[in-house]
Amino acid sequence: MAVVLSLRWAGVTPEQYDTVRTAVRWEEQAPDGAVLHVAWFEPGTLLVIDVWNSQDDFERFFAERLAPAVVEAGITGEPEPRFFPLHRRFVAPGVSGAA
């Protein structure tokens, strides 16, 4: 079942996020089960909304690819993930790709 991931990670900077993104290359080599990723920042906090085909897909991606890059980027603390069953998704016509 598809899930929505809402994640909050205090202490992560935009520079650290970009370092991890570059190292993991999730935009060039999409993780199995990934559908959508949106990230933004509040002061001192990374916020993410993802859609995954399953919670297991995200957890596998985190363990195998994301966690090692997080350590290398010097990110400390723990993320606060919450998963919810996806009820419906809509992608506006003409929307595609990463940016």
PDB file of N, CA and C in Angstrom:
ATOM      1  N   MET A   1       0.840  -1.180   0.000  1.00  0.00           N
ATOM      2  CA  MET A   1       0.000   0.000   0.000  1.00  0.00           C
ATOM      3  C   MET A   1       0.886   1.243   0.000  1.00  0.00           C
ATOM      4  N   ALA A   2       0.583   2.204  -0.852  1.00  0.00           N
ATOM      5  CA  ALA A   2       1.342   3.452  -0.915  1.00  0.00           C
ATOM      6  C   ALA A   2       1.163   4.244   0.379  1.00  0.00           C
ATOM      7  N   VAL A   3       2.241   4.945   0.751  1.00  0.00           N
ATOM      8  CA  VAL A   3       2.224   5.721   1.992  1.00  0.00           C
ATOM      9  C   VAL A   3       2.748   7.132   1.752  1.00  0.00           C
ATOM     10  N   VAL A   4       2.299   8.031   2.613  1.00  0.00           N
ATOM     11  CA  VAL A   4       2.834   9.384   2.678  1.00  0.00           C
ATOM     12  C   VAL A   4       3.762   9.420   3.886  1.00  0.00           C
ATOM     13  N   LEU A   5       4.956   9.913   3.663  1.00  0.00           N
ATOM     14  CA  LEU A   5       5.920  10.103   4.741  1.00  0.00           C
ATOM     15  C   LEU A   5       5.995  11.587   5.055  1.00  0.00           C
ATOM     16  N   SER A   6       5.761  11.930   6.300  1.00  0.00           N
ATOM     17  CA  SER A   6       5.972  13.286   6.800  1.00  0.00           C
ATOM     18  C   SER A   6       7.163  13.200   7.743  1.00  0.00           C
ATOM     19  N   LEU A   7       8.225  13.946   7.428  1.00  0.00           N
ATOM     20  CA  LEU A   7       9.450  13.824   8.201  1.00  0.00           C
ATOM     21  C   LEU A   7       9.912  15.203   8.658  1.00  0.00           C
ATOM     22  N   ARG A   8      10.324  15.269   9.899  1.00  0.00           N
ATOM     23  CA  ARG A   8      10.887  16.484  10.501  1.00  0.00           C
ATOM     24  C   ARG A   8      12.239  16.096  11.065  1.00  0.00           C
ATOM     25  N   TRP A   9      13.280  16.917  10.753  1.00  0.00           N
ATOM     26  CA  TRP A   9      14.613  16.603  11.248  1.00  0.00           C
ATOM     27  C   TRP A   9      15.274  17.890  11.704  1.00  0.00           C
ATOM     28  N   ALA A  10      15.248  18.116  13.006  1.00  0.00           N
ATOM     29  CA  ALA A  10      15.843  19.324  13.595  1.00  0.00           C
ATOM     30  C   ALA A  10      17.353  19.289  13.438  1.00  0.00           C
ATOM     31  N   GLY A  11      17.920  20.461  13.175  1.00  0.00           N
ATOM     32  CA  GLY A  11      19.366  20.601  13.100  1.00  0.00           C
ATOM     33  C   GLY A  11      19.972  20.417  11.723  1.00  0.00           C
ATOM     34  N   VAL A  12      19.195  19.982  10.749  1.00  0.00           N
ATOM     35  CA  VAL A  12      19.721  19.783   9.396  1.00  0.00           C
ATOM     36  C   VAL A  12      19.681  21.110   8.645  1.00  0.00           C
ATOM     37  N   THR A  13      20.805  21.458   8.027  1.00  0.00           N
ATOM     38  CA  THR A  13      20.900  22.706   7.262  1.00  0.00           C
ATOM     39  C   THR A  13      20.654  22.436   5.771  1.00  0.00           C
ATOM     40  N   PRO A  14      20.313  23.470   5.020  1.00  0.00           N
ATOM     41  CA  PRO A  14      20.182  23.287   3.568  1.00  0.00           C
ATOM     42  C   PRO A  14      21.483  22.769   2.942  1.00  0.00           C
ATOM     43  N   GLU A  15      22.620  23.192   3.444  1.00  0.00           N
ATOM     44  CA  GLU A  15      23.896  22.735   2.905  1.00  0.00           C
ATOM     45  C   GLU A  15      24.098  21.237   3.156  1.00  0.00           C
ATOM     46  N   GLN A  16      23.737  20.777   4.337  1.00  0.00           N
ATOM     47  CA  GLN A  16      23.840  19.345   4.635  1.00  0.00           C
ATOM     48  C   GLN A  16      22.886  18.538   3.756  1.00  0.00           C
ATOM     49  N   TYR A  17      21.664  19.037   3.599  1.00  0.00           N
ATOM     50  CA  TYR A  17      20.693  18.360   2.735  1.00  0.00           C
ATOM     51  C   TYR A  17      21.265  18.221   1.321  1.00  0.00           C
ATOM     52  N   ASP A  18      21.823  19.316   0.788  1.00  0.00           N
ATOM     53  CA  ASP A  18      22.369  19.281  -0.570  1.00  0.00           C
ATOM     54  C   ASP A  18      23.576  18.352  -0.664  1.00  0.00           C
ATOM     55  N   THR A  19      24.387  18.287   0.368  1.00  0.00           N
ATOM     56  CA  THR A  19      25.519  17.360   0.393  1.00  0.00           C
ATOM     57  C   THR A  19      25.033  15.922   0.314  1.00  0.00           C
ATOM     58  N   VAL A  20      24.016  15.601   1.094  1.00  0.00           N
ATOM     59  CA  VAL A  20      23.457  14.243   1.088  1.00  0.00           C
ATOM     60  C   VAL A  20      22.812  13.946  -0.264  1.00  0.00           C
ATOM     61  N   ARG A  21      22.061  14.894  -0.790  1.00  0.00           N
ATOM     62  CA  ARG A  21      21.402  14.692  -2.093  1.00  0.00           C
ATOM     63  C   ARG A  21      22.424  14.407  -3.180  1.00  0.00           C
ATOM     64  N   THR A  22      23.519  15.146  -3.179  1.00  0.00           N
ATOM     65  CA  THR A  22      24.565  14.940  -4.174  1.00  0.00           C
ATOM     66  C   THR A  22      25.226  13.574  -4.000  1.00  0.00           C
ATOM     67  N   ALA A  23      25.496  13.178  -2.768  1.00  0.00           N
ATOM     68  CA  ALA A  23      26.158  11.896  -2.498  1.00  0.00           C
ATOM     69  C   ALA A  23      25.266  10.708  -2.852  1.00  0.00           C
ATOM     70  N   VAL A  24      23.994  10.794  -2.503  1.00  0.00           N
ATOM     71  CA  VAL A  24      23.084   9.661  -2.701  1.00  0.00           C
ATOM     72  C   VAL A  24      22.589   9.584  -4.150  1.00  0.00           C
ATOM     73  N   ARG A  25      22.504  10.750  -4.817  1.00  0.00           N
ATOM     74  CA  ARG A  25      22.079  10.820  -6.220  1.00  0.00           C
ATOM     75  C   ARG A  25      20.677  10.240  -6.434  1.00  0.00           C
ATOM     76  N   TRP A  26      19.745  10.540  -5.509  1.00  0.00           N
ATOM     77  CA  TRP A  26      18.407   9.964  -5.643  1.00  0.00           C
ATOM     78  C   TRP A  26      17.649  10.520  -6.834  1.00  0.00           C
ATOM     79  N   GLU A  27      18.030  11.692  -7.315  1.00  0.00           N
ATOM     80  CA  GLU A  27      17.351  12.224  -8.493  1.00  0.00           C
ATOM     81  C   GLU A  27      17.836  11.537  -9.765  1.00  0.00           C
ATOM     82  N   GLU A  28      19.110  11.150  -9.791  1.00  0.00           N
ATOM     83  CA  GLU A  28      19.664  10.462 -10.958  1.00  0.00           C
ATOM     84  C   GLU A  28      19.406   8.958 -10.905  1.00  0.00           C
ATOM     85  N   GLN A  29      19.397   8.393  -9.715  1.00  0.00           N
ATOM     86  CA  GLN A  29      19.185   6.957  -9.508  1.00  0.00           C
ATOM     87  C   GLN A  29      18.056   6.795  -8.493  1.00  0.00           C
ATOM     88  N   ALA A  30      16.847   6.958  -8.985  1.00  0.00           N
ATOM     89  CA  ALA A  30      15.681   6.948  -8.092  1.00  0.00           C
ATOM     90  C   ALA A  30      15.616   5.650  -7.290  1.00  0.00           C
ATOM     91  N   PRO A  31      15.353   5.763  -6.004  1.00  0.00           N
ATOM     92  CA  PRO A  31      15.223   4.567  -5.174  1.00  0.00           C
ATOM     93  C   PRO A  31      13.987   3.762  -5.556  1.00  0.00           C
ATOM     94  N   ASP A  32      14.087   2.457  -5.411  1.00  0.00           N
ATOM     95  CA  ASP A  32      12.927   1.595  -5.656  1.00  0.00           C
ATOM     96  C   ASP A  32      11.789   2.016  -4.744  1.00  0.00           C
ATOM     97  N   GLY A  33      10.616   2.219  -5.318  1.00  0.00           N
ATOM     98  CA  GLY A  33       9.434   2.547  -4.539  1.00  0.00           C
ATOM     99  C   GLY A  33       9.186   4.020  -4.316  1.00  0.00           C
ATOM    100  N   ALA A  34      10.142   4.877  -4.680  1.00  0.00           N
ATOM    101  CA  ALA A  34       9.954   6.321  -4.496  1.00  0.00           C
ATOM    102  C   ALA A  34       8.993   6.855  -5.554  1.00  0.00           C
ATOM    103  N   VAL A  35       8.063   7.715  -5.126  1.00  0.00           N
ATOM    104  CA  VAL A  35       7.094   8.315  -6.039  1.00  0.00           C
ATOM    105  C   VAL A  35       7.270   9.826  -6.105  1.00  0.00           C
ATOM    106  N   LEU A  36       7.443  10.467  -4.952  1.00  0.00           N
ATOM    107  CA  LEU A  36       7.497  11.926  -4.893  1.00  0.00           C
ATOM    108  C   LEU A  36       8.302  12.355  -3.673  1.00  0.00           C
ATOM    109  N   HIS A  37       9.073  13.434  -3.830  1.00  0.00           N
ATOM    110  CA  HIS A  37       9.841  13.985  -2.710  1.00  0.00           C
ATOM    111  C   HIS A  37       9.742  15.500  -2.760  1.00  0.00           C
ATOM    112  N   VAL A  38       9.384  16.099  -1.630  1.00  0.00           N
ATOM    113  CA  VAL A  38       9.327  17.556  -1.488  1.00  0.00           C
ATOM    114  C   VAL A  38      10.027  17.900  -0.180  1.00  0.00           C
ATOM    115  N   ALA A  39      10.943  18.871  -0.236  1.00  0.00           N
ATOM    116  CA  ALA A  39      11.679  19.270   0.967  1.00  0.00           C
ATOM    117  C   ALA A  39      11.679  20.784   1.099  1.00  0.00           C
ATOM    118  N   TRP A  40      11.651  21.256   2.350  1.00  0.00           N
ATOM    119  CA  TRP A  40      11.749  22.682   2.639  1.00  0.00           C
ATOM    120  C   TRP A  40      12.300  22.845   4.048  1.00  0.00           C
ATOM    121  N   PHE A  41      12.596  24.095   4.398  1.00  0.00           N
ATOM    122  CA  PHE A  41      13.204  24.365   5.690  1.00  0.00           C
ATOM    123  C   PHE A  41      12.427  25.414   6.457  1.00  0.00           C
ATOM    124  N   GLU A  42      12.306  25.168   7.740  1.00  0.00           N
ATOM    125  CA  GLU A  42      11.967  26.190   8.714  1.00  0.00           C
ATOM    126  C   GLU A  42      13.281  26.491   9.417  1.00  0.00           C
ATOM    127  N   PRO A  43      13.391  27.571  10.151  1.00  0.00           N
ATOM    128  CA  PRO A  43      14.661  27.847  10.821  1.00  0.00           C
ATOM    129  C   PRO A  43      15.144  26.642  11.645  1.00  0.00           C
ATOM    130  N   GLY A  44      16.304  26.102  11.242  1.00  0.00           N
ATOM    131  CA  GLY A  44      16.923  25.008  11.976  1.00  0.00           C
ATOM    132  C   GLY A  44      16.309  23.641  11.784  1.00  0.00           C
ATOM    133  N   THR A  45      15.394  23.478  10.833  1.00  0.00           N
ATOM    134  CA  THR A  45      14.704  22.197  10.695  1.00  0.00           C
ATOM    135  C   THR A  45      14.421  21.877   9.231  1.00  0.00           C
ATOM    136  N   LEU A  46      14.747  20.640   8.840  1.00  0.00           N
ATOM    137  CA  LEU A  46      14.380  20.105   7.534  1.00  0.00           C
ATOM    138  C   LEU A  46      12.996  19.474   7.642  1.00  0.00           C
ATOM    139  N   LEU A  47      12.145  19.751   6.678  1.00  0.00           N
ATOM    140  CA  LEU A  47      10.822  19.145   6.600  1.00  0.00           C
ATOM    141  C   LEU A  47      10.683  18.468   5.235  1.00  0.00           C
ATOM    142  N   VAL A  48      10.098  17.283   5.218  1.00  0.00           N
ATOM    143  CA  VAL A  48       9.967  16.499   3.993  1.00  0.00           C
ATOM    144  C   VAL A  48       8.578  15.888   3.920  1.00  0.00           C
ATOM    145  N   ILE A  49       8.021  15.887   2.723  1.00  0.00           N
ATOM    146  CA  ILE A  49       6.837  15.081   2.407  1.00  0.00           C
ATOM    147  C   ILE A  49       7.239  14.187   1.245  1.00  0.00           C
ATOM    148  N   ASP A  50       7.094  12.903   1.420  1.00  0.00           N
ATOM    149  CA  ASP A  50       7.373  11.923   0.369  1.00  0.00           C
ATOM    150  C   ASP A  50       6.144  11.062   0.142  1.00  0.00           C
ATOM    151  N   VAL A  51       6.082  10.481  -1.035  1.00  0.00           N
ATOM    152  CA  VAL A  51       5.152   9.393  -1.309  1.00  0.00           C
ATOM    153  C   VAL A  51       5.999   8.196  -1.735  1.00  0.00           C
ATOM    154  N   TRP A  52       5.744   7.063  -1.116  1.00  0.00           N
ATOM    155  CA  TRP A  52       6.454   5.819  -1.397  1.00  0.00           C
ATOM    156  C   TRP A  52       5.444   4.722  -1.687  1.00  0.00           C
ATOM    157  N   ASN A  53       5.845   3.728  -2.462  1.00  0.00           N
ATOM    158  CA  ASN A  53       4.962   2.593  -2.719  1.00  0.00           C
ATOM    159  C   ASN A  53       4.691   1.809  -1.444  1.00  0.00           C
ATOM    160  N   SER A  54       5.646   1.844  -0.504  1.00  0.00           N
ATOM    161  CA  SER A  54       5.441   1.189   0.792  1.00  0.00           C
ATOM    162  C   SER A  54       6.415   1.772   1.810  1.00  0.00           C
ATOM    163  N   GLN A  55       6.084   1.600   3.069  1.00  0.00           N
ATOM    164  CA  GLN A  55       6.979   2.032   4.138  1.00  0.00           C
ATOM    165  C   GLN A  55       8.276   1.238   4.082  1.00  0.00           C
ATOM    166  N   ASP A  56       8.193  -0.045   3.743  1.00  0.00           N
ATOM    167  CA  ASP A  56       9.392  -0.872   3.620  1.00  0.00           C
ATOM    168  C   ASP A  56      10.354  -0.321   2.575  1.00  0.00           C
ATOM    169  N   ASP A  57       9.823   0.190   1.456  1.00  0.00           N
ATOM    170  CA  ASP A  57      10.692   0.769   0.426  1.00  0.00           C
ATOM    171  C   ASP A  57      11.502   1.931   0.993  1.00  0.00           C
ATOM    172  N   PHE A  58      10.838   2.817   1.741  1.00  0.00           N
ATOM    173  CA  PHE A  58      11.567   3.943   2.335  1.00  0.00           C
ATOM    174  C   PHE A  58      12.594   3.453   3.342  1.00  0.00           C
ATOM    175  N   GLU A  59      12.216   2.545   4.206  1.00  0.00           N
ATOM    176  CA  GLU A  59      13.121   2.075   5.252  1.00  0.00           C
ATOM    177  C   GLU A  59      14.350   1.390   4.656  1.00  0.00           C
ATOM    178  N   ARG A  60      14.174   0.666   3.573  1.00  0.00           N
ATOM    179  CA  ARG A  60      15.302   0.035   2.889  1.00  0.00           C
ATOM    180  C   ARG A  60      16.227   1.112   2.286  1.00  0.00           C
ATOM    181  N   PHE A  61      15.637   2.112   1.615  1.00  0.00           N
ATOM    182  CA  PHE A  61      16.415   3.215   1.052  1.00  0.00           C
ATOM    183  C   PHE A  61      17.192   3.947   2.153  1.00  0.00           C
ATOM    184  N   PHE A  62      16.531   4.208   3.262  1.00  0.00           N
ATOM    185  CA  PHE A  62      17.186   4.914   4.358  1.00  0.00           C
ATOM    186  C   PHE A  62      18.390   4.117   4.868  1.00  0.00           C
ATOM    187  N   ALA A  63      18.188   2.841   5.121  1.00  0.00           N
ATOM    188  CA  ALA A  63      19.251   2.011   5.687  1.00  0.00           C
ATOM    189  C   ALA A  63      20.411   1.821   4.714  1.00  0.00           C
ATOM    190  N   GLU A  64      20.107   1.563   3.458  1.00  0.00           N
ATOM    191  CA  GLU A  64      21.139   1.188   2.500  1.00  0.00           C
ATOM    192  C   GLU A  64      21.847   2.376   1.854  1.00  0.00           C
ATOM    193  N   ARG A  65      21.136   3.455   1.609  1.00  0.00           N
ATOM    194  CA  ARG A  65      21.724   4.556   0.846  1.00  0.00           C
ATOM    195  C   ARG A  65      21.797   5.870   1.621  1.00  0.00           C
ATOM    196  N   LEU A  66      20.742   6.209   2.322  1.00  0.00           N
ATOM    197  CA  LEU A  66      20.673   7.518   2.945  1.00  0.00           C
ATOM    198  C   LEU A  66      21.506   7.607   4.226  1.00  0.00           C
ATOM    199  N   ALA A  67      21.394   6.635   5.102  1.00  0.00           N
ATOM    200  CA  ALA A  67      22.075   6.693   6.400  1.00  0.00           C
ATOM    201  C   ALA A  67      23.588   6.886   6.277  1.00  0.00           C
ATOM    202  N   PRO A  68      24.277   6.168   5.398  1.00  0.00           N
ATOM    203  CA  PRO A  68      25.732   6.395   5.295  1.00  0.00           C
ATOM    204  C   PRO A  68      26.073   7.824   4.867  1.00  0.00           C
ATOM    205  N   ALA A  69      25.298   8.404   3.958  1.00  0.00           N
ATOM    206  CA  ALA A  69      25.551   9.773   3.509  1.00  0.00           C
ATOM    207  C   ALA A  69      25.236  10.784   4.603  1.00  0.00           C
ATOM    208  N   VAL A  70      24.241  10.500   5.420  1.00  0.00           N
ATOM    209  CA  VAL A  70      23.893  11.371   6.547  1.00  0.00           C
ATOM    210  C   VAL A  70      25.072  11.452   7.520  1.00  0.00           C
ATOM    211  N   VAL A  71      25.671  10.323   7.813  1.00  0.00           N
ATOM    212  CA  VAL A  71      26.830  10.294   8.708  1.00  0.00           C
ATOM    213  C   VAL A  71      27.973  11.098   8.102  1.00  0.00           C
ATOM    214  N   GLU A  72      28.236  10.881   6.819  1.00  0.00           N
ATOM    215  CA  GLU A  72      29.329  11.602   6.135  1.00  0.00           C
ATOM    216  C   GLU A  72      29.102  13.117   6.134  1.00  0.00           C
ATOM    217  N   ALA A  73      27.848  13.541   6.059  1.00  0.00           N
ATOM    218  CA  ALA A  73      27.524  14.973   6.040  1.00  0.00           C
ATOM    219  C   ALA A  73      27.559  15.596   7.430  1.00  0.00           C
ATOM    220  N   GLY A  74      27.764  14.785   8.460  1.00  0.00           N
ATOM    221  CA  GLY A  74      27.849  15.305   9.814  1.00  0.00           C
ATOM    222  C   GLY A  74      26.507  15.637  10.442  1.00  0.00           C
ATOM    223  N   ILE A  75      25.447  15.054   9.905  1.00  0.00           N
ATOM    224  CA  ILE A  75      24.111  15.302  10.459  1.00  0.00           C
ATOM    225  C   ILE A  75      23.960  14.487  11.732  1.00  0.00           C
ATOM    226  N   THR A  76      23.509  15.147  12.776  1.00  0.00           N
ATOM    227  CA  THR A  76      23.293  14.476  14.056  1.00  0.00           C
ATOM    228  C   THR A  76      21.810  14.490  14.384  1.00  0.00           C
ATOM    229  N   GLY A  77      21.478  13.876  15.477  1.00  0.00           N
ATOM    230  CA  GLY A  77      20.073  13.803  15.863  1.00  0.00           C
ATOM    231  C   GLY A  77      19.363  12.739  15.055  1.00  0.00           C
ATOM    232  N   GLU A  78      18.094  12.621  15.308  1.00  0.00           N
ATOM    233  CA  GLU A  78      17.284  11.602  14.650  1.00  0.00           C
ATOM    234  C   GLU A  78      16.108  12.254  13.929  1.00  0.00           C
ATOM    235  N   PRO A  79      15.760  11.729  12.758  1.00  0.00           N
ATOM    236  CA  PRO A  79      14.569  12.244  12.083  1.00  0.00           C
ATOM    237  C   PRO A  79      13.322  11.800  12.833  1.00  0.00           C
ATOM    238  N   GLU A  80      12.256  12.539  12.623  1.00  0.00           N
ATOM    239  CA  GLU A  80      10.959  12.185  13.207  1.00  0.00           C
ATOM    240  C   GLU A  80      10.016  11.840  12.047  1.00  0.00           C
ATOM    241  N   PRO A  81      10.035  10.568  11.600  1.00  0.00           N
ATOM    242  CA  PRO A  81       9.164  10.186  10.490  1.00  0.00           C
ATOM    243  C   PRO A  81       7.782   9.770  10.975  1.00  0.00           C
ATOM    244  N   ARG A  82       6.790  10.063  10.157  1.00  0.00           N
ATOM    245  CA  ARG A  82       5.418   9.580  10.393  1.00  0.00           C
ATOM    246  C   ARG A  82       4.890   9.091   9.051  1.00  0.00           C
ATOM    247  N   PHE A  83       4.250   7.943   9.056  1.00  0.00           N
ATOM    248  CA  PHE A  83       3.720   7.345   7.837  1.00  0.00           C
ATOM    249  C   PHE A  83       2.195   7.297   7.903  1.00  0.00           C
ATOM    250  N   PHE A  84       1.578   7.561   6.763  1.00  0.00           N
ATOM    251  CA  PHE A  84       0.121   7.548   6.651  1.00  0.00           C
ATOM    252  C   PHE A  84      -0.260   6.833   5.358  1.00  0.00           C
ATOM    253  N   PRO A  85      -1.333   6.064   5.361  1.00  0.00           N
ATOM    254  CA  PRO A  85      -1.780   5.449   4.109  1.00  0.00           C
ATOM    255  C   PRO A  85      -2.169   6.540   3.107  1.00  0.00           C
ATOM    256  N   LEU A  86      -1.737   6.384   1.883  1.00  0.00           N
ATOM    257  CA  LEU A  86      -2.101   7.338   0.844  1.00  0.00           C
ATOM    258  C   LEU A  86      -3.550   7.113   0.437  1.00  0.00           C
ATOM    259  N   HIS A  87      -4.337   8.145   0.452  1.00  0.00           N
ATOM    260  CA  HIS A  87      -5.734   8.041   0.032  1.00  0.00           C
ATOM    261  C   HIS A  87      -5.869   8.358  -1.458  1.00  0.00           C
ATOM    262  N   ARG A  88      -5.211   9.401  -1.902  1.00  0.00           N
ATOM    263  CA  ARG A  88      -5.335   9.827  -3.298  1.00  0.00           C
ATOM    264  C   ARG A  88      -4.151  10.713  -3.636  1.00  0.00           C
ATOM    265  N   ARG A  89      -3.716  10.668  -4.873  1.00  0.00           N
ATOM    266  CA  ARG A  89      -2.698  11.601  -5.331  1.00  0.00           C
ATOM    267  C   ARG A  89      -3.123  12.183  -6.673  1.00  0.00           C
ATOM    268  N   PHE A  90      -2.674  13.396  -6.918  1.00  0.00           N
ATOM    269  CA  PHE A  90      -2.954  14.098  -8.165  1.00  0.00           C
ATOM    270  C   PHE A  90      -1.671  14.779  -8.599  1.00  0.00           C
ATOM    271  N   VAL A  91      -1.317  14.613  -9.836  1.00  0.00           N
ATOM    272  CA  VAL A  91      -0.161  15.321 -10.403  1.00  0.00           C
ATOM    273  C   VAL A  91      -0.712  16.192 -11.530  1.00  0.00           C
ATOM    274  N   ALA A  92      -0.467  17.482 -11.425  1.00  0.00           N
ATOM    275  CA  ALA A  92      -0.994  18.422 -12.423  1.00  0.00           C
ATOM    276  C   ALA A  92      -0.423  18.118 -13.792  1.00  0.00           C
ATOM    277  N   PRO A  93      -1.205  18.297 -14.842  1.00  0.00           N
ATOM    278  CA  PRO A  93      -0.702  18.059 -16.204  1.00  0.00           C
ATOM    279  C   PRO A  93       0.547  18.894 -16.472  1.00  0.00           C
ATOM    280  N   GLY A  94       1.514  18.259 -17.114  1.00  0.00           N
ATOM    281  CA  GLY A  94       2.737  18.952 -17.469  1.00  0.00           C
ATOM    282  C   GLY A  94       3.811  18.947 -16.395  1.00  0.00           C
ATOM    283  N   VAL A  95       3.510  18.446 -15.213  1.00  0.00           N
ATOM    284  CA  VAL A  95       4.490  18.400 -14.137  1.00  0.00           C
ATOM    285  C   VAL A  95       5.281  17.108 -14.235  1.00  0.00           C
ATOM    286  N   SER A  96       6.598  17.250 -14.274  1.00  0.00           N
ATOM    287  CA  SER A  96       7.454  16.059 -14.280  1.00  0.00           C
ATOM    288  C   SER A  96       8.853  16.472 -13.879  1.00  0.00           C
ATOM    289  N   GLY A  97       9.661  15.498 -13.558  1.00  0.00           N
ATOM    290  CA  GLY A  97      11.058  15.754 -13.283  1.00  0.00           C
ATOM    291  C   GLY A  97      11.353  16.371 -11.934  1.00  0.00           C
ATOM    292  N   ALA A  98      12.614  16.620 -11.715  1.00  0.00           N
ATOM    293  CA  ALA A  98      13.084  17.178 -10.442  1.00  0.00           C
ATOM    294  C   ALA A  98      13.470  18.637 -10.642  1.00  0.00           C
ATOM    295  N   ALA A  99      13.355  19.385  -9.589  1.00  0.00           N
ATOM    296  CA  ALA A  99      13.805  20.781  -9.605  1.00  0.00           C
ATOM    297  C   ALA A  99      13.748  21.350  -8.217  1.00  0.00           C
TER     298      ALA A  99
END
